[in-house]
Amino acid sequence: MNCMHKEIRERIIREISENLNNKTCVHACWLGESDANNEVDSFSDIDLFLCVDDYKIDEIILNLLIII
């Protein structure tokens, strides 16, 4: 993976993490697929899994869309 792609991925993941960290309705957040299997390359997307209170799903998705 080239350096630029790696930096962009890391920045996106960091910003998502910082945004979700203070949300009490988010009970868990993890990366799956290539990140979980340590197989990230320049074609890898970000597979983000969340455990969120049902009544807050729309709000969390909107917040994530604003970030990315």
Protein backbone atom coordinates (compact mmCIF):
# COMPACT_ATOMS: atom_id res chain seq x y z
CA MET A 1 0.00 0.00 0.00
CA ASN A 2 1.38 3.40 -0.86
CA CYS A 3 2.07 5.90 1.90
CA MET A 4 -0.63 8.38 0.85
CA HIS A 5 -3.37 5.74 0.86
CA LYS A 6 -2.26 4.49 4.27
CA GLU A 7 -2.29 8.01 5.74
CA ILE A 8 -5.76 8.73 4.38
CA ARG A 9 -7.18 5.43 5.71
CA GLU A 10 -5.62 6.04 9.13
CA ARG A 11 -6.98 9.59 9.25
CA ILE A 12 -10.51 8.46 8.36
CA ILE A 13 -10.43 5.67 10.95
CA ARG A 14 -9.03 8.04 13.60
CA GLU A 15 -11.71 10.68 12.92
CA ILE A 16 -14.48 8.09 13.04
CA SER A 17 -13.10 6.70 16.29
CA GLU A 18 -12.83 10.14 17.89
CA ASN A 19 -16.37 10.99 16.80
CA LEU A 20 -17.88 7.78 18.17
CA ASN A 21 -15.81 7.66 21.35
CA ASN A 22 -18.02 10.11 23.26
CA LYS A 23 -21.35 8.68 22.10
CA THR A 24 -23.03 6.76 24.92
CA CYS A 25 -25.34 5.06 22.42
CA VAL A 26 -22.36 3.34 20.74
CA HIS A 27 -21.53 0.21 22.71
CA ALA A 28 -18.90 -1.29 20.41
CA CYS A 29 -17.06 -0.42 17.22
CA TRP A 30 -14.61 -2.58 15.32
CA LEU A 31 -12.95 -3.02 11.96
CA GLY A 32 -13.51 -6.21 10.01
CA GLU A 33 -12.42 -7.97 6.84
CA SER A 34 -8.99 -6.90 5.60
CA ASP A 35 -8.21 -4.82 8.72
CA ALA A 36 -9.16 -7.68 11.04
CA ASN A 37 -7.12 -10.14 8.99
CA ASN A 38 -4.11 -7.83 8.62
CA GLU A 39 -4.51 -7.93 4.83
CA VAL A 40 -4.98 -4.22 4.06
CA ASP A 41 -3.73 -3.15 0.66
CA SER A 42 -4.28 -0.15 -1.62
CA PHE A 43 -7.62 -1.59 -2.79
CA SER A 44 -9.04 -2.18 0.71
CA ASP A 45 -12.13 -0.37 1.84
CA ILE A 46 -12.97 0.26 5.50
CA ASP A 47 -15.37 -2.31 6.94
CA LEU A 48 -16.75 -0.71 10.08
CA PHE A 49 -19.06 -2.59 12.42
CA LEU A 50 -21.07 -0.85 15.14
CA CYS A 51 -23.26 -1.89 18.04
CA VAL A 52 -25.61 1.09 18.54
CA ASP A 53 -28.88 1.71 20.38
CA ASP A 54 -31.72 1.26 17.87
CA TYR A 55 -33.18 4.72 18.40
CA LYS A 56 -29.84 6.39 17.53
CA ILE A 57 -28.88 4.52 14.35
CA ASP A 58 -29.98 7.31 11.98
CA GLU A 59 -28.10 9.95 13.97
CA ILE A 60 -24.88 7.90 14.06
CA ILE A 61 -25.04 7.16 10.32
CA LEU A 62 -25.56 10.85 9.57
CA ASN A 63 -22.56 11.76 11.76
CA LEU A 64 -20.39 9.23 9.93
CA LEU A 65 -21.48 10.50 6.52
CA ILE A 66 -20.50 14.02 7.53
CA ILE A 67 -17.03 12.80 8.52
CA ILE A 68 -16.35 11.00 5.28
